[in-house]
PDB file of N, CA and C in Angstrom:
ATOM      1  N   MET A   1      -6.289 -14.787 -26.093  1.00  0.00           N
ATOM      2  CA  MET A   1      -6.684 -13.604 -25.341  1.00  0.00           C
ATOM      3  C   MET A   1      -6.535 -13.921 -23.856  1.00  0.00           C
ATOM      4  N   LEU A   2      -5.776 -13.101 -23.176  1.00  0.00           N
ATOM      5  CA  LEU A   2      -5.602 -13.245 -21.737  1.00  0.00           C
ATOM      6  C   LEU A   2      -6.740 -12.520 -21.028  1.00  0.00           C
ATOM      7  N   LEU A   3      -7.394 -13.206 -20.107  1.00  0.00           N
ATOM      8  CA  LEU A   3      -8.433 -12.610 -19.263  1.00  0.00           C
ATOM      9  C   LEU A   3      -7.938 -12.666 -17.832  1.00  0.00           C
ATOM     10  N   THR A   4      -8.017 -11.539 -17.145  1.00  0.00           N
ATOM     11  CA  THR A   4      -7.587 -11.519 -15.757  1.00  0.00           C
ATOM     12  C   THR A   4      -8.469 -10.577 -14.942  1.00  0.00           C
ATOM     13  N   THR A   5      -8.662 -10.932 -13.694  1.00  0.00           N
ATOM     14  CA  THR A   5      -9.432 -10.079 -12.800  1.00  0.00           C
ATOM     15  C   THR A   5      -8.542  -9.055 -12.107  1.00  0.00           C
ATOM     16  N   THR A   6      -7.238  -9.143 -12.349  1.00  0.00           N
ATOM     17  CA  THR A   6      -6.299  -8.206 -11.737  1.00  0.00           C
ATOM     18  C   THR A   6      -6.117  -6.979 -12.616  1.00  0.00           C
ATOM     19  N   GLU A   7      -5.604  -5.923 -12.011  1.00  0.00           N
ATOM     20  CA  GLU A   7      -5.376  -4.688 -12.763  1.00  0.00           C
ATOM     21  C   GLU A   7      -4.102  -4.763 -13.591  1.00  0.00           C
ATOM     22  N   ASN A   8      -3.117  -5.485 -13.092  1.00  0.00           N
ATOM     23  CA  ASN A   8      -1.823  -5.564 -13.763  1.00  0.00           C
ATOM     24  C   ASN A   8      -1.540  -6.975 -14.242  1.00  0.00           C
ATOM     25  N   VAL A   9      -0.771  -7.051 -15.324  1.00  0.00           N
ATOM     26  CA  VAL A   9      -0.268  -8.326 -15.811  1.00  0.00           C
ATOM     27  C   VAL A   9       1.218  -8.317 -15.484  1.00  0.00           C
ATOM     28  N   PRO A  10       1.674  -9.197 -14.588  1.00  0.00           N
ATOM     29  CA  PRO A  10       3.072  -9.169 -14.164  1.00  0.00           C
ATOM     30  C   PRO A  10       4.050  -9.191 -15.346  1.00  0.00           C
ATOM     31  N   GLY A  11       4.985  -8.243 -15.314  1.00  0.00           N
ATOM     32  CA  GLY A  11       6.028  -8.178 -16.323  1.00  0.00           C
ATOM     33  C   GLY A  11       5.599  -7.594 -17.657  1.00  0.00           C
ATOM     34  N   ARG A  12       4.387  -7.088 -17.757  1.00  0.00           N
ATOM     35  CA  ARG A  12       3.894  -6.537 -19.024  1.00  0.00           C
ATOM     36  C   ARG A  12       3.414  -5.108 -18.833  1.00  0.00           C
ATOM     37  N   GLN A  13       3.710  -4.281 -19.804  1.00  0.00           N
ATOM     38  CA  GLN A  13       3.151  -2.928 -19.846  1.00  0.00           C
ATOM     39  C   GLN A  13       2.132  -2.914 -20.971  1.00  0.00           C
ATOM     40  N   TYR A  14       1.114  -2.112 -20.801  1.00  0.00           N
ATOM     41  CA  TYR A  14       0.082  -2.086 -21.830  1.00  0.00           C
ATOM     42  C   TYR A  14      -0.529  -0.705 -21.963  1.00  0.00           C
ATOM     43  N   GLU A  15      -1.180  -0.520 -23.108  1.00  0.00           N
ATOM     44  CA  GLU A  15      -1.966   0.685 -23.329  1.00  0.00           C
ATOM     45  C   GLU A  15      -3.435   0.284 -23.251  1.00  0.00           C
ATOM     46  N   ILE A  16      -4.229   1.158 -22.680  1.00  0.00           N
ATOM     47  CA  ILE A  16      -5.657   0.895 -22.513  1.00  0.00           C
ATOM     48  C   ILE A  16      -6.391   1.243 -23.802  1.00  0.00           C
ATOM     49  N   LEU A  17      -7.210   0.304 -24.265  1.00  0.00           N
ATOM     50  CA  LEU A  17      -8.008   0.520 -25.469  1.00  0.00           C
ATOM     51  C   LEU A  17      -9.429   0.945 -25.148  1.00  0.00           C
ATOM     52  N   GLY A  18      -9.955   0.484 -24.020  1.00  0.00           N
ATOM     53  CA  GLY A  18     -11.305   0.871 -23.637  1.00  0.00           C
ATOM     54  C   GLY A  18     -12.069  -0.249 -22.969  1.00  0.00           C
ATOM     55  N   VAL A  19     -13.247   0.076 -22.526  1.00  0.00           N
ATOM     56  CA  VAL A  19     -14.123  -0.880 -21.855  1.00  0.00           C
ATOM     57  C   VAL A  19     -14.745  -1.797 -22.901  1.00  0.00           C
ATOM     58  N   VAL A  20     -14.812  -3.085 -22.569  1.00  0.00           N
ATOM     59  CA  VAL A  20     -15.488  -4.059 -23.423  1.00  0.00           C
ATOM     60  C   VAL A  20     -16.494  -4.816 -22.578  1.00  0.00           C
ATOM     61  N   LYS A  21     -17.546  -5.298 -23.248  1.00  0.00           N
ATOM     62  CA  LYS A  21     -18.557  -6.049 -22.520  1.00  0.00           C
ATOM     63  C   LYS A  21     -19.245  -7.020 -23.465  1.00  0.00           C
ATOM     64  N   GLY A  22     -19.849  -8.013 -22.853  1.00  0.00           N
ATOM     65  CA  GLY A  22     -20.682  -8.958 -23.582  1.00  0.00           C
ATOM     66  C   GLY A  22     -21.799  -9.361 -22.644  1.00  0.00           C
ATOM     67  N   ASN A  23     -22.989  -9.563 -23.187  1.00  0.00           N
ATOM     68  CA  ASN A  23     -24.080  -9.924 -22.293  1.00  0.00           C
ATOM     69  C   ASN A  23     -24.939 -11.025 -22.900  1.00  0.00           C
ATOM     70  N   MET A  24     -25.783 -11.579 -22.077  1.00  0.00           N
ATOM     71  CA  MET A  24     -26.706 -12.632 -22.475  1.00  0.00           C
ATOM     72  C   MET A  24     -27.901 -12.544 -21.548  1.00  0.00           C
ATOM     73  N   VAL A  25     -29.093 -12.513 -22.124  1.00  0.00           N
ATOM     74  CA  VAL A  25     -30.321 -12.552 -21.330  1.00  0.00           C
ATOM     75  C   VAL A  25     -30.916 -13.942 -21.533  1.00  0.00           C
ATOM     76  N   GLN A  26     -31.140 -14.628 -20.454  1.00  0.00           N
ATOM     77  CA  GLN A  26     -31.622 -16.009 -20.491  1.00  0.00           C
ATOM     78  C   GLN A  26     -32.961 -16.095 -19.765  1.00  0.00           C
ATOM     79  N   THR A  27     -33.887 -16.817 -20.359  1.00  0.00           N
ATOM     80  CA  THR A  27     -35.171 -17.053 -19.698  1.00  0.00           C
ATOM     81  C   THR A  27     -35.251 -18.495 -19.238  1.00  0.00           C
ATOM     82  N   LYS A  28     -36.095 -18.705 -18.258  1.00  0.00           N
ATOM     83  CA  LYS A  28     -36.308 -20.049 -17.744  1.00  0.00           C
ATOM     84  C   LYS A  28     -37.219 -20.827 -18.686  1.00  0.00           C
ATOM     85  N   ASN A  29     -36.993 -22.113 -18.744  1.00  0.00           N
ATOM     86  CA  ASN A  29     -37.841 -23.027 -19.497  1.00  0.00           C
ATOM     87  C   ASN A  29     -38.937 -23.505 -18.551  1.00  0.00           C
ATOM     88  N   ILE A  30     -40.188 -23.353 -18.932  1.00  0.00           N
ATOM     89  CA  ILE A  30     -41.298 -23.654 -18.020  1.00  0.00           C
ATOM     90  C   ILE A  30     -41.289 -25.113 -17.572  1.00  0.00           C
ATOM     91  N   ALA A  31     -40.944 -26.041 -18.458  1.00  0.00           N
ATOM     92  CA  ALA A  31     -40.897 -27.458 -18.072  1.00  0.00           C
ATOM     93  C   ALA A  31     -39.794 -27.697 -17.040  1.00  0.00           C
ATOM     94  N   ARG A  32     -38.646 -27.073 -17.273  1.00  0.00           N
ATOM     95  CA  ARG A  32     -37.552 -27.186 -16.303  1.00  0.00           C
ATOM     96  C   ARG A  32     -37.939 -26.539 -14.984  1.00  0.00           C
ATOM     97  N   ASP A  33     -38.648 -25.414 -15.068  1.00  0.00           N
ATOM     98  CA  ASP A  33     -39.013 -24.645 -13.883  1.00  0.00           C
ATOM     99  C   ASP A  33     -39.864 -25.472 -12.923  1.00  0.00           C
ATOM    100  N   ILE A  34     -40.766 -26.274 -13.456  1.00  0.00           N
ATOM    101  CA  ILE A  34     -41.611 -27.123 -12.602  1.00  0.00           C
ATOM    102  C   ILE A  34     -40.747 -28.108 -11.835  1.00  0.00           C
ATOM    103  N   GLY A  35     -39.839 -28.789 -12.539  1.00  0.00           N
ATOM    104  CA  GLY A  35     -38.953 -29.758 -11.887  1.00  0.00           C
ATOM    105  C   GLY A  35     -38.046 -29.111 -10.864  1.00  0.00           C
ATOM    106  N   GLN A  36     -37.513 -27.941 -11.207  1.00  0.00           N
ATOM    107  CA  GLN A  36     -36.622 -27.250 -10.286  1.00  0.00           C
ATOM    108  C   GLN A  36     -37.386 -26.720  -9.077  1.00  0.00           C
ATOM    109  N   GLY A  37     -38.645 -26.338  -9.280  1.00  0.00           N
ATOM    110  CA  GLY A  37     -39.478 -25.897  -8.162  1.00  0.00           C
ATOM    111  C   GLY A  37     -39.689 -27.018  -7.164  1.00  0.00           C
ATOM    112  N   LEU A  38     -39.926 -28.214  -7.667  1.00  0.00           N
ATOM    113  CA  LEU A  38     -40.072 -29.371  -6.780  1.00  0.00           C
ATOM    114  C   LEU A  38     -38.760 -29.642  -6.049  1.00  0.00           C
ATOM    115  N   LYS A  39     -37.643 -29.530  -6.756  1.00  0.00           N
ATOM    116  CA  LYS A  39     -36.331 -29.761  -6.156  1.00  0.00           C
ATOM    117  C   LYS A  39     -36.071 -28.758  -5.036  1.00  0.00           C
ATOM    118  N   SER A  40     -36.513 -27.521  -5.218  1.00  0.00           N
ATOM    119  CA  SER A  40     -36.240 -26.502  -4.208  1.00  0.00           C
ATOM    120  C   SER A  40     -36.992 -26.773  -2.906  1.00  0.00           C
ATOM    121  N   MET A  41     -38.066 -27.546  -2.976  1.00  0.00           N
ATOM    122  CA  MET A  41     -38.801 -27.874  -1.750  1.00  0.00           C
ATOM    123  C   MET A  41     -38.050 -28.876  -0.886  1.00  0.00           C
ATOM    124  N   VAL A  42     -37.255 -29.746  -1.500  1.00  0.00           N
ATOM    125  CA  VAL A  42     -36.533 -30.761  -0.730  1.00  0.00           C
ATOM    126  C   VAL A  42     -35.080 -30.380  -0.493  1.00  0.00           C
ATOM    127  N   GLY A  43     -34.623 -29.349  -1.173  1.00  0.00           N
ATOM    128  CA  GLY A  43     -33.257 -28.877  -0.979  1.00  0.00           C
ATOM    129  C   GLY A  43     -32.300 -29.475  -1.998  1.00  0.00           C
ATOM    130  N   GLY A  44     -31.136 -28.877  -2.102  1.00  0.00           N
ATOM    131  CA  GLY A  44     -30.119 -29.338  -3.030  1.00  0.00           C
ATOM    132  C   GLY A  44     -29.890 -28.348  -4.148  1.00  0.00           C
ATOM    133  N   GLU A  45     -28.900 -28.663  -4.953  1.00  0.00           N
ATOM    134  CA  GLU A  45     -28.534 -27.785  -6.064  1.00  0.00           C
ATOM    135  C   GLU A  45     -29.571 -27.855  -7.176  1.00  0.00           C
ATOM    136  N   LEU A  46     -29.873 -26.718  -7.743  1.00  0.00           N
ATOM    137  CA  LEU A  46     -30.762 -26.652  -8.901  1.00  0.00           C
ATOM    138  C   LEU A  46     -29.867 -26.748 -10.139  1.00  0.00           C
ATOM    139  N   THR A  47     -29.498 -27.970 -10.502  1.00  0.00           N
ATOM    140  CA  THR A  47     -28.487 -28.193 -11.542  1.00  0.00           C
ATOM    141  C   THR A  47     -28.889 -27.621 -12.891  1.00  0.00           C
ATOM    142  N   THR A  48     -30.158 -27.662 -13.228  1.00  0.00           N
ATOM    143  CA  THR A  48     -30.597 -27.111 -14.507  1.00  0.00           C
ATOM    144  C   THR A  48     -30.311 -25.619 -14.564  1.00  0.00           C
ATOM    145  N   TYR A  49     -30.561 -24.907 -13.469  1.00  0.00           N
ATOM    146  CA  TYR A  49     -30.282 -23.476 -13.434  1.00  0.00           C
ATOM    147  C   TYR A  49     -28.779 -23.215 -13.414  1.00  0.00           C
ATOM    148  N   THR A  50     -28.035 -24.052 -12.722  1.00  0.00           N
ATOM    149  CA  THR A  50     -26.580 -23.909 -12.708  1.00  0.00           C
ATOM    150  C   THR A  50     -26.033 -24.042 -14.123  1.00  0.00           C
ATOM    151  N   GLU A  51     -26.484 -25.032 -14.842  1.00  0.00           N
ATOM    152  CA  GLU A  51     -26.058 -25.233 -16.228  1.00  0.00           C
ATOM    153  C   GLU A  51     -26.461 -24.046 -17.102  1.00  0.00           C
ATOM    154  N   MET A  52     -27.680 -23.555 -16.919  1.00  0.00           N
ATOM    155  CA  MET A  52     -28.162 -22.422 -17.697  1.00  0.00           C
ATOM    156  C   MET A  52     -27.281 -21.194 -17.456  1.00  0.00           C
ATOM    157  N   MET A  53     -26.942 -20.924 -16.201  1.00  0.00           N
ATOM    158  CA  MET A  53     -26.130 -19.757 -15.882  1.00  0.00           C
ATOM    159  C   MET A  53     -24.696 -19.931 -16.380  1.00  0.00           C
ATOM    160  N   ASN A  54     -24.153 -21.148 -16.308  1.00  0.00           N
ATOM    161  CA  ASN A  54     -22.808 -21.399 -16.830  1.00  0.00           C
ATOM    162  C   ASN A  54     -22.762 -21.159 -18.338  1.00  0.00           C
ATOM    163  N   GLU A  55     -23.788 -21.613 -19.042  1.00  0.00           N
ATOM    164  CA  GLU A  55     -23.870 -21.398 -20.481  1.00  0.00           C
ATOM    165  C   GLU A  55     -23.975 -19.903 -20.800  1.00  0.00           C
ATOM    166  N   SER A  56     -24.798 -19.201 -20.053  1.00  0.00           N
ATOM    167  CA  SER A  56     -24.960 -17.756 -20.259  1.00  0.00           C
ATOM    168  C   SER A  56     -23.658 -17.014 -20.002  1.00  0.00           C
ATOM    169  N   ARG A  57     -22.944 -17.402 -18.952  1.00  0.00           N
ATOM    170  CA  ARG A  57     -21.654 -16.777 -18.632  1.00  0.00           C
ATOM    171  C   ARG A  57     -20.652 -17.004 -19.769  1.00  0.00           C
ATOM    172  N   ALA A  58     -20.634 -18.228 -20.308  1.00  0.00           N
ATOM    173  CA  ALA A  58     -19.711 -18.544 -21.405  1.00  0.00           C
ATOM    174  C   ALA A  58     -20.019 -17.708 -22.644  1.00  0.00           C
ATOM    175  N   ILE A  59     -21.287 -17.537 -22.963  1.00  0.00           N
ATOM    176  CA  ILE A  59     -21.678 -16.741 -24.126  1.00  0.00           C
ATOM    177  C   ILE A  59     -21.325 -15.270 -23.912  1.00  0.00           C
ATOM    178  N   ALA A  60     -21.610 -14.744 -22.725  1.00  0.00           N
ATOM    179  CA  ALA A  60     -21.277 -13.345 -22.424  1.00  0.00           C
ATOM    180  C   ALA A  60     -19.768 -13.122 -22.519  1.00  0.00           C
ATOM    181  N   THR A  61     -18.978 -14.063 -22.008  1.00  0.00           N
ATOM    182  CA  THR A  61     -17.516 -13.953 -22.065  1.00  0.00           C
ATOM    183  C   THR A  61     -17.046 -13.969 -23.514  1.00  0.00           C
ATOM    184  N   LYS A  62     -17.591 -14.874 -24.313  1.00  0.00           N
ATOM    185  CA  LYS A  62     -17.224 -14.965 -25.730  1.00  0.00           C
ATOM    186  C   LYS A  62     -17.522 -13.658 -26.454  1.00  0.00           C
ATOM    187  N   ARG A  63     -18.654 -13.072 -26.192  1.00  0.00           N
ATOM    188  CA  ARG A  63     -19.017 -11.805 -26.839  1.00  0.00           C
ATOM    189  C   ARG A  63     -18.090 -10.673 -26.415  1.00  0.00           C
ATOM    190  N   MET A  64     -17.690 -10.657 -25.143  1.00  0.00           N
ATOM    191  CA  MET A  64     -16.761  -9.646 -24.651  1.00  0.00           C
ATOM    192  C   MET A  64     -15.405  -9.799 -25.342  1.00  0.00           C
ATOM    193  N   VAL A  65     -14.925 -11.033 -25.438  1.00  0.00           N
ATOM    194  CA  VAL A  65     -13.633 -11.298 -26.082  1.00  0.00           C
ATOM    195  C   VAL A  65     -13.681 -10.893 -27.555  1.00  0.00           C
ATOM    196  N   GLU A  66     -14.762 -11.188 -28.235  1.00  0.00           N
ATOM    197  CA  GLU A  66     -14.902 -10.806 -29.641  1.00  0.00           C
ATOM    198  C   GLU A  66     -14.827  -9.290 -29.812  1.00  0.00           C
ATOM    199  N   GLU A  67     -15.454  -8.556 -28.897  1.00  0.00           N
ATOM    200  CA  GLU A  67     -15.390  -7.087 -28.955  1.00  0.00           C
ATOM    201  C   GLU A  67     -13.954  -6.615 -28.761  1.00  0.00           C
ATOM    202  N   ALA A  68     -13.249  -7.215 -27.799  1.00  0.00           N
ATOM    203  CA  ALA A  68     -11.850  -6.843 -27.545  1.00  0.00           C
ATOM    204  C   ALA A  68     -10.967  -7.171 -28.748  1.00  0.00           C
ATOM    205  N   GLU A  69     -11.199  -8.303 -29.383  1.00  0.00           N
ATOM    206  CA  GLU A  69     -10.418  -8.684 -30.564  1.00  0.00           C
ATOM    207  C   GLU A  69     -10.618  -7.688 -31.701  1.00  0.00           C
ATOM    208  N   ARG A  70     -11.850  -7.212 -31.877  1.00  0.00           N
ATOM    209  CA  ARG A  70     -12.118  -6.205 -32.919  1.00  0.00           C
ATOM    210  C   ARG A  70     -11.342  -4.905 -32.663  1.00  0.00           C
ATOM    211  N   MET A  71     -11.031  -4.642 -31.398  1.00  0.00           N
ATOM    212  CA  MET A  71     -10.264  -3.445 -31.034  1.00  0.00           C
ATOM    213  C   MET A  71      -8.754  -3.675 -31.147  1.00  0.00           C
ATOM    214  N   GLY A  72      -8.346  -4.927 -31.385  1.00  0.00           N
ATOM    215  CA  GLY A  72      -6.925  -5.247 -31.462  1.00  0.00           C
ATOM    216  C   GLY A  72      -6.289  -5.525 -30.115  1.00  0.00           C
ATOM    217  N   ALA A  73      -7.077  -5.919 -29.140  1.00  0.00           N
ATOM    218  CA  ALA A  73      -6.576  -6.144 -27.782  1.00  0.00           C
ATOM    219  C   ALA A  73      -5.801  -7.455 -27.667  1.00  0.00           C
ATOM    220  N   ASP A  74      -4.863  -7.464 -26.739  1.00  0.00           N
ATOM    221  CA  ASP A  74      -4.127  -8.679 -26.383  1.00  0.00           C
ATOM    222  C   ASP A  74      -4.684  -9.311 -25.118  1.00  0.00           C
ATOM    223  N   ALA A  75      -5.360  -8.499 -24.305  1.00  0.00           N
ATOM    224  CA  ALA A  75      -5.847  -8.986 -23.021  1.00  0.00           C
ATOM    225  C   ALA A  75      -7.020  -8.141 -22.547  1.00  0.00           C
ATOM    226  N   ILE A  76      -7.717  -8.676 -21.563  1.00  0.00           N
ATOM    227  CA  ILE A  76      -8.758  -7.934 -20.850  1.00  0.00           C
ATOM    228  C   ILE A  76      -8.400  -8.003 -19.378  1.00  0.00           C
ATOM    229  N   VAL A  77      -8.201  -6.832 -18.779  1.00  0.00           N
ATOM    230  CA  VAL A  77      -7.868  -6.764 -17.357  1.00  0.00           C
ATOM    231  C   VAL A  77      -9.086  -6.275 -16.581  1.00  0.00           C
ATOM    232  N   MET A  78      -9.048  -6.495 -15.271  1.00  0.00           N
ATOM    233  CA  MET A  78     -10.139  -6.092 -14.378  1.00  0.00           C
ATOM    234  C   MET A  78     -11.478  -6.687 -14.836  1.00  0.00           C
ATOM    235  N   MET A  79     -11.448  -7.910 -15.327  1.00  0.00           N
ATOM    236  CA  MET A  79     -12.638  -8.571 -15.853  1.00  0.00           C
ATOM    237  C   MET A  79     -13.580  -8.935 -14.704  1.00  0.00           C
ATOM    238  N   ARG A  80     -14.871  -8.708 -14.921  1.00  0.00           N
ATOM    239  CA  ARG A  80     -15.887  -8.973 -13.899  1.00  0.00           C
ATOM    240  C   ARG A  80     -17.140  -9.543 -14.548  1.00  0.00           C
ATOM    241  N   TYR A  81     -17.982 -10.166 -13.711  1.00  0.00           N
ATOM    242  CA  TYR A  81     -19.313 -10.610 -14.118  1.00  0.00           C
ATOM    243  C   TYR A  81     -20.332  -9.920 -13.223  1.00  0.00           C
ATOM    244  N   SER A  82     -21.486  -9.667 -13.797  1.00  0.00           N
ATOM    245  CA  SER A  82     -22.599  -9.150 -13.018  1.00  0.00           C
ATOM    246  C   SER A  82     -23.862  -9.802 -13.548  1.00  0.00           C
ATOM    247  N   THR A  83     -24.850  -9.924 -12.690  1.00  0.00           N
ATOM    248  CA  THR A  83     -26.122 -10.501 -13.106  1.00  0.00           C
ATOM    249  C   THR A  83     -27.253  -9.690 -12.503  1.00  0.00           C
ATOM    250  N   SER A  84     -28.365  -9.687 -13.220  1.00  0.00           N
ATOM    251  CA  SER A  84     -29.539  -8.994 -12.699  1.00  0.00           C
ATOM    252  C   SER A  84     -30.785  -9.592 -13.326  1.00  0.00           C
ATOM    253  N   ALA A  85     -31.879  -9.466 -12.623  1.00  0.00           N
ATOM    254  CA  ALA A  85     -33.171  -9.880 -13.162  1.00  0.00           C
ATOM    255  C   ALA A  85     -33.666  -8.746 -14.050  1.00  0.00           C
ATOM    256  N   VAL A  86     -34.045  -9.064 -15.286  1.00  0.00           N
ATOM    257  CA  VAL A  86     -34.500  -8.027 -16.202  1.00  0.00           C
ATOM    258  C   VAL A  86     -35.998  -8.108 -16.465  1.00  0.00           C
ATOM    259  N   ALA A  87     -36.595  -9.244 -16.148  1.00  0.00           N
ATOM    260  CA  ALA A  87     -38.037  -9.449 -16.300  1.00  0.00           C
ATOM    261  C   ALA A  87     -38.392 -10.685 -15.485  1.00  0.00           C
ATOM    262  N   ALA A  88     -39.663 -10.932 -15.312  1.00  0.00           N
ATOM    263  CA  ALA A  88     -40.078 -12.124 -14.575  1.00  0.00           C
ATOM    264  C   ALA A  88     -39.564 -13.361 -15.313  1.00  0.00           C
ATOM    265  N   GLY A  89     -38.743 -14.143 -14.643  1.00  0.00           N
ATOM    266  CA  GLY A  89     -38.229 -15.368 -15.241  1.00  0.00           C
ATOM    267  C   GLY A  89     -37.068 -15.175 -16.193  1.00  0.00           C
ATOM    268  N   ALA A  90     -36.463 -13.981 -16.240  1.00  0.00           N
ATOM    269  CA  ALA A  90     -35.329 -13.730 -17.132  1.00  0.00           C
ATOM    270  C   ALA A  90     -34.205 -13.049 -16.355  1.00  0.00           C
ATOM    271  N   ALA A  91     -32.987 -13.481 -16.641  1.00  0.00           N
ATOM    272  CA  ALA A  91     -31.817 -12.904 -15.991  1.00  0.00           C
ATOM    273  C   ALA A  91     -30.789 -12.519 -17.037  1.00  0.00           C
ATOM    274  N   GLU A  92     -30.064 -11.432 -16.771  1.00  0.00           N
ATOM    275  CA  GLU A  92     -28.981 -11.005 -17.648  1.00  0.00           C
ATOM    276  C   GLU A  92     -27.657 -11.279 -16.964  1.00  0.00           C
ATOM    277  N   ILE A  93     -26.734 -11.819 -17.725  1.00  0.00           N
ATOM    278  CA  ILE A  93     -25.348 -11.953 -17.290  1.00  0.00           C
ATOM    279  C   ILE A  93     -24.557 -10.995 -18.162  1.00  0.00           C
ATOM    280  N   ILE A  94     -23.706 -10.187 -17.544  1.00  0.00           N
ATOM    281  CA  ILE A  94     -22.830  -9.309 -18.308  1.00  0.00           C
ATOM    282  C   ILE A  94     -21.399  -9.563 -17.857  1.00  0.00           C
ATOM    283  N   ALA A  95     -20.522  -9.707 -18.841  1.00  0.00           N
ATOM    284  CA  ALA A  95     -19.086  -9.822 -18.595  1.00  0.00           C
ATOM    285  C   ALA A  95     -18.478  -8.512 -19.085  1.00  0.00           C
ATOM    286  N   TYR A  96     -17.593  -7.916 -18.286  1.00  0.00           N
ATOM    287  CA  TYR A  96     -17.002  -6.644 -18.697  1.00  0.00           C
ATOM    288  C   TYR A  96     -15.597  -6.504 -18.153  1.00  0.00           C
ATOM    289  N   GLY A  97     -14.830  -5.664 -18.789  1.00  0.00           N
ATOM    290  CA  GLY A  97     -13.459  -5.422 -18.364  1.00  0.00           C
ATOM    291  C   GLY A  97     -12.839  -4.346 -19.227  1.00  0.00           C
ATOM    292  N   THR A  98     -11.533  -4.184 -19.105  1.00  0.00           N
ATOM    293  CA  THR A  98     -10.791  -3.187 -19.860  1.00  0.00           C
ATOM    294  C   THR A  98      -9.897  -3.886 -20.876  1.00  0.00           C
ATOM    295  N   ALA A  99     -10.114  -3.583 -22.146  1.00  0.00           N
ATOM    296  CA  ALA A  99      -9.293  -4.152 -23.215  1.00  0.00           C
ATOM    297  C   ALA A  99      -7.962  -3.411 -23.250  1.00  0.00           C
ATOM    298  N   VAL A 100      -6.876  -4.162 -23.357  1.00  0.00           N
ATOM    299  CA  VAL A 100      -5.540  -3.583 -23.400  1.00  0.00           C
ATOM    300  C   VAL A 100      -4.710  -4.223 -24.508  1.00  0.00           C
ATOM    301  N   ARG A 101      -3.725  -3.460 -24.975  1.00  0.00           N
ATOM    302  CA  ARG A 101      -2.759  -3.973 -25.960  1.00  0.00           C
ATOM    303  C   ARG A 101      -1.380  -3.872 -25.312  1.00  0.00           C
ATOM    304  N   PHE A 102      -0.636  -4.964 -25.347  1.00  0.00           N
ATOM    305  CA  PHE A 102       0.694  -4.969 -24.751  1.00  0.00           C
ATOM    306  C   PHE A 102       1.640  -4.087 -25.552  1.00  0.00           C
ATOM    307  N   VAL A 103       2.485  -3.356 -24.824  1.00  0.00           N
ATOM    308  CA  VAL A 103       3.500  -2.505 -25.434  1.00  0.00           C
ATOM    309  C   VAL A 103       4.649  -3.422 -25.846  1.00  0.00           C
ATOM    310  N   ARG A 104       4.995  -3.370 -27.112  1.00  0.00           N
ATOM    311  CA  ARG A 104       6.094  -4.189 -27.633  1.00  0.00           C
ATOM    312  C   ARG A 104       7.417  -3.443 -27.398  1.00  0.00           C
ATOM    313  N   ALA A 105       8.356  -4.124 -26.819  1.00  0.00           N
ATOM    314  CA  ALA A 105       9.656  -3.488 -26.504  1.00  0.00           C
ATOM    315  C   ALA A 105      10.546  -3.394 -27.708  1.00  0.00           C
TER     316      ALA A 105
END
């Protein structure tokens, strides 16, 4: 499955199948939160949160691709990520784009 943030795939024509998305809501681990809180006082990267968000992004992307595959897509164009706080200590990552099928010549 080709994923691209661009609208066009060079040299390919396609038909639009529809919008696809995948999401993941992740909560903080209280034990990790204490350690990361201490880290934030002295500065530096909060690696535990970085890892958590990377994992969430990967899961959201996988779910989006699975939805596109069920539609028979060859690619997802205009792919984007968005994040938002959905509750205290919880964040949602959503991956979304347009599923397309390449026109066979």
